[in-house]
Each structure stands twice: as structure tokens, then as C-alpha cells.
Amino acid sequence: MDHSLSIRENEILGLISYEYTTSEIAEKLCLSTDTIKSHRKNLFRKLKVRNAAGLVRRAFEQNLIQPEIN
């Protein structure tokens, strides 16, 4: 599975996993919403998923993100 993600894609993936919206991510990273949408689309393609839930599931399966332990 081609999941070689860029640093920015990893950052956005982490924010998605914490339930940030596209607009919130754009504001936090000082990027346009269109740029975030493009990164999301690339993440969906690279991880072969159709939505944010699938994205987070696949990211956990591939150890791309870790659960927060309090």
C-alpha cells in the first residue's frame, strides 16, 4: 500500500483524527481550505479510503497515528 505521506499530510491526518474540520485545520495551519481539501483528497487516495472515518481507521491500522493515552 502506497502510504508514503508528506510531513504536511501527516500533520493534517493527525488533526483529522482529533476531529478538526477542514476550516479549522486551514486556520490552524494558515492555509486555504482548498489546500486542505487537496491534502485530504491525496490522503484518501494514498490510503485507499472514501471518507474521514475510513481515513482514521486505516491510519490506526497502518500505525500512522497513535491513540492518545492520558
N, C-alpha and C. Protein backbone atom coordinates (compact mmCIF):
# COMPACT_ATOMS: atom_id res chain seq x y z
N MET A 1 0.85 -1.17 0.00
CA MET A 1 0.00 0.00 0.00
C MET A 1 0.89 1.24 0.00
N ASP A 2 0.65 2.14 -0.95
CA ASP A 2 1.45 3.36 -1.03
C ASP A 2 0.92 4.36 -0.02
N HIS A 3 1.56 4.39 1.16
CA HIS A 3 1.14 5.37 2.15
C HIS A 3 2.32 6.22 2.59
N SER A 4 3.22 6.51 1.64
CA SER A 4 4.32 7.41 1.97
C SER A 4 3.77 8.83 1.98
N LEU A 5 3.46 9.30 3.17
CA LEU A 5 2.82 10.59 3.34
C LEU A 5 3.86 11.68 3.55
N SER A 6 3.52 12.87 3.06
CA SER A 6 4.39 14.02 3.30
C SER A 6 4.24 14.46 4.76
N ILE A 7 5.16 15.28 5.18
CA ILE A 7 5.09 15.82 6.54
C ILE A 7 3.77 16.55 6.75
N ARG A 8 3.36 17.35 5.76
CA ARG A 8 2.11 18.10 5.86
C ARG A 8 0.92 17.15 5.90
N GLU A 9 0.93 16.11 5.08
CA GLU A 9 -0.17 15.14 5.10
C GLU A 9 -0.26 14.46 6.46
N ASN A 10 0.88 14.11 7.05
CA ASN A 10 0.87 13.51 8.39
C ASN A 10 0.28 14.48 9.41
N GLU A 11 0.63 15.73 9.30
CA GLU A 11 0.11 16.75 10.21
C GLU A 11 -1.40 16.88 10.08
N ILE A 12 -1.88 16.93 8.86
CA ILE A 12 -3.32 17.04 8.61
C ILE A 12 -4.04 15.79 9.05
N LEU A 13 -3.48 14.64 8.80
CA LEU A 13 -4.07 13.38 9.24
C LEU A 13 -4.25 13.38 10.76
N GLY A 14 -3.24 13.82 11.48
CA GLY A 14 -3.35 13.91 12.94
C GLY A 14 -4.47 14.84 13.37
N LEU A 15 -4.60 15.99 12.71
CA LEU A 15 -5.66 16.93 13.06
C LEU A 15 -7.04 16.36 12.74
N ILE A 16 -7.15 15.65 11.63
CA ILE A 16 -8.42 15.00 11.28
C ILE A 16 -8.78 13.98 12.36
N SER A 17 -7.79 13.26 12.84
CA SER A 17 -8.06 12.24 13.87
C SER A 17 -8.53 12.87 15.18
N TYR A 18 -8.24 14.16 15.37
CA TYR A 18 -8.72 14.88 16.56
C TYR A 18 -9.99 15.67 16.26
N GLU A 19 -10.66 15.34 15.15
CA GLU A 19 -11.96 15.87 14.77
C GLU A 19 -11.94 17.34 14.36
N TYR A 20 -10.81 17.85 13.94
CA TYR A 20 -10.76 19.21 13.39
C TYR A 20 -11.45 19.19 12.03
N THR A 21 -12.20 20.25 11.74
CA THR A 21 -12.84 20.38 10.43
C THR A 21 -11.83 20.94 9.43
N THR A 22 -12.18 20.88 8.16
CA THR A 22 -11.32 21.45 7.12
C THR A 22 -11.03 22.91 7.40
N SER A 23 -12.05 23.68 7.75
CA SER A 23 -11.87 25.10 8.04
C SER A 23 -10.96 25.33 9.24
N GLU A 24 -11.14 24.52 10.27
CA GLU A 24 -10.31 24.65 11.47
C GLU A 24 -8.85 24.31 11.18
N ILE A 25 -8.64 23.27 10.37
CA ILE A 25 -7.28 22.89 10.00
C ILE A 25 -6.63 24.01 9.19
N ALA A 26 -7.37 24.55 8.24
CA ALA A 26 -6.85 25.64 7.41
C ALA A 26 -6.44 26.83 8.28
N GLU A 27 -7.29 27.19 9.22
CA GLU A 27 -6.98 28.32 10.10
C GLU A 27 -5.76 28.02 10.96
N LYS A 28 -5.72 26.83 11.53
CA LYS A 28 -4.61 26.44 12.43
C LYS A 28 -3.27 26.44 11.70
N LEU A 29 -3.26 26.00 10.43
CA LEU A 29 -2.02 25.88 9.67
C LEU A 29 -1.77 27.08 8.75
N CYS A 30 -2.66 28.08 8.81
CA CYS A 30 -2.53 29.29 7.96
C CYS A 30 -2.48 28.92 6.48
N LEU A 31 -3.39 28.03 6.09
CA LEU A 31 -3.52 27.61 4.70
C LEU A 31 -4.96 27.84 4.25
N SER A 32 -5.20 27.78 2.95
CA SER A 32 -6.56 27.92 2.45
C SER A 32 -7.32 26.61 2.62
N THR A 33 -8.64 26.71 2.66
CA THR A 33 -9.45 25.50 2.75
C THR A 33 -9.26 24.63 1.51
N ASP A 34 -9.03 25.27 0.35
CA ASP A 34 -8.80 24.49 -0.87
C ASP A 34 -7.53 23.66 -0.75
N THR A 35 -6.50 24.20 -0.12
CA THR A 35 -5.26 23.46 0.08
C THR A 35 -5.50 22.26 0.99
N ILE A 36 -6.26 22.46 2.04
CA ILE A 36 -6.56 21.36 2.96
C ILE A 36 -7.39 20.30 2.24
N LYS A 37 -8.37 20.72 1.45
CA LYS A 37 -9.18 19.77 0.69
C LYS A 37 -8.31 18.95 -0.25
N SER A 38 -7.32 19.58 -0.86
CA SER A 38 -6.41 18.87 -1.75
C SER A 38 -5.59 17.83 -0.98
N HIS A 39 -5.09 18.20 0.19
CA HIS A 39 -4.35 17.25 1.02
C HIS A 39 -5.25 16.09 1.45
N ARG A 40 -6.49 16.40 1.84
CA ARG A 40 -7.43 15.34 2.23
C ARG A 40 -7.67 14.37 1.08
N LYS A 41 -7.87 14.92 -0.10
CA LYS A 41 -8.09 14.09 -1.29
C LYS A 41 -6.89 13.18 -1.53
N ASN A 42 -5.69 13.73 -1.38
CA ASN A 42 -4.48 12.92 -1.55
C ASN A 42 -4.39 11.83 -0.47
N LEU A 43 -4.76 12.17 0.75
CA LEU A 43 -4.77 11.17 1.83
C LEU A 43 -5.75 10.04 1.52
N PHE A 44 -6.95 10.40 1.06
CA PHE A 44 -7.95 9.38 0.71
C PHE A 44 -7.39 8.46 -0.38
N ARG A 45 -6.75 9.04 -1.38
CA ARG A 45 -6.20 8.26 -2.49
C ARG A 45 -5.07 7.36 -2.00
N LYS A 46 -4.13 7.93 -1.27
CA LYS A 46 -2.96 7.16 -0.82
C LYS A 46 -3.34 6.03 0.14
N LEU A 47 -4.33 6.28 0.99
CA LEU A 47 -4.73 5.27 1.97
C LEU A 47 -5.91 4.42 1.49
N LYS A 48 -6.37 4.70 0.29
CA LYS A 48 -7.44 3.93 -0.37
C LYS A 48 -8.70 3.84 0.49
N VAL A 49 -9.20 5.02 0.89
CA VAL A 49 -10.43 5.11 1.67
C VAL A 49 -11.36 6.14 1.02
N ARG A 50 -12.63 6.16 1.50
CA ARG A 50 -13.63 7.04 0.89
C ARG A 50 -14.07 8.20 1.77
N ASN A 51 -13.78 8.13 3.06
CA ASN A 51 -14.24 9.20 3.95
C ASN A 51 -13.32 9.32 5.16
N ALA A 52 -13.59 10.33 5.99
CA ALA A 52 -12.72 10.61 7.14
C ALA A 52 -12.68 9.45 8.13
N ALA A 53 -13.81 8.77 8.32
CA ALA A 53 -13.83 7.62 9.24
C ALA A 53 -12.89 6.53 8.73
N GLY A 54 -12.95 6.25 7.45
CA GLY A 54 -12.05 5.26 6.85
C GLY A 54 -10.61 5.70 6.94
N LEU A 55 -10.39 7.00 6.79
CA LEU A 55 -9.04 7.54 6.87
C LEU A 55 -8.43 7.30 8.24
N VAL A 56 -9.18 7.60 9.28
CA VAL A 56 -8.68 7.41 10.64
C VAL A 56 -8.50 5.92 10.94
N ARG A 57 -9.44 5.10 10.51
CA ARG A 57 -9.33 3.65 10.72
C ARG A 57 -8.06 3.12 10.07
N ARG A 58 -7.84 3.47 8.81
CA ARG A 58 -6.67 2.98 8.07
C ARG A 58 -5.38 3.52 8.70
N ALA A 59 -5.41 4.76 9.17
CA ALA A 59 -4.23 5.34 9.81
C ALA A 59 -3.85 4.57 11.07
N PHE A 60 -4.84 4.15 11.85
CA PHE A 60 -4.56 3.33 13.03
C PHE A 60 -4.04 1.96 12.61
N GLU A 61 -4.67 1.35 11.60
CA GLU A 61 -4.23 0.03 11.13
C GLU A 61 -2.78 0.04 10.66
N GLN A 62 -2.39 1.13 10.03
CA GLN A 62 -1.04 1.24 9.47
C GLN A 62 -0.05 1.91 10.43
N ASN A 63 -0.51 2.15 11.67
CA ASN A 63 0.33 2.80 12.70
C ASN A 63 0.85 4.16 12.25
N LEU A 64 0.02 4.88 11.50
CA LEU A 64 0.39 6.23 11.08
C LEU A 64 0.05 7.24 12.15
N ILE A 65 -0.91 6.89 13.01
CA ILE A 65 -1.28 7.71 14.16
C ILE A 65 -1.42 6.78 15.35
N GLN A 66 -1.24 7.32 16.52
CA GLN A 66 -1.35 6.56 17.76
C GLN A 66 -2.45 7.13 18.63
N PRO A 67 -3.16 6.27 19.36
CA PRO A 67 -4.19 6.79 20.27
C PRO A 67 -3.52 7.60 21.37
N GLU A 68 -4.21 8.64 21.80
CA GLU A 68 -3.70 9.45 22.91
C GLU A 68 -3.95 8.70 24.20
N ILE A 69 -2.92 8.57 25.02
CA ILE A 69 -3.06 7.88 26.31
C ILE A 69 -2.94 8.95 27.38
N ASN A 70 -3.98 9.07 28.20
CA ASN A 70 -3.98 10.08 29.27
C ASN A 70 -3.49 9.50 30.57
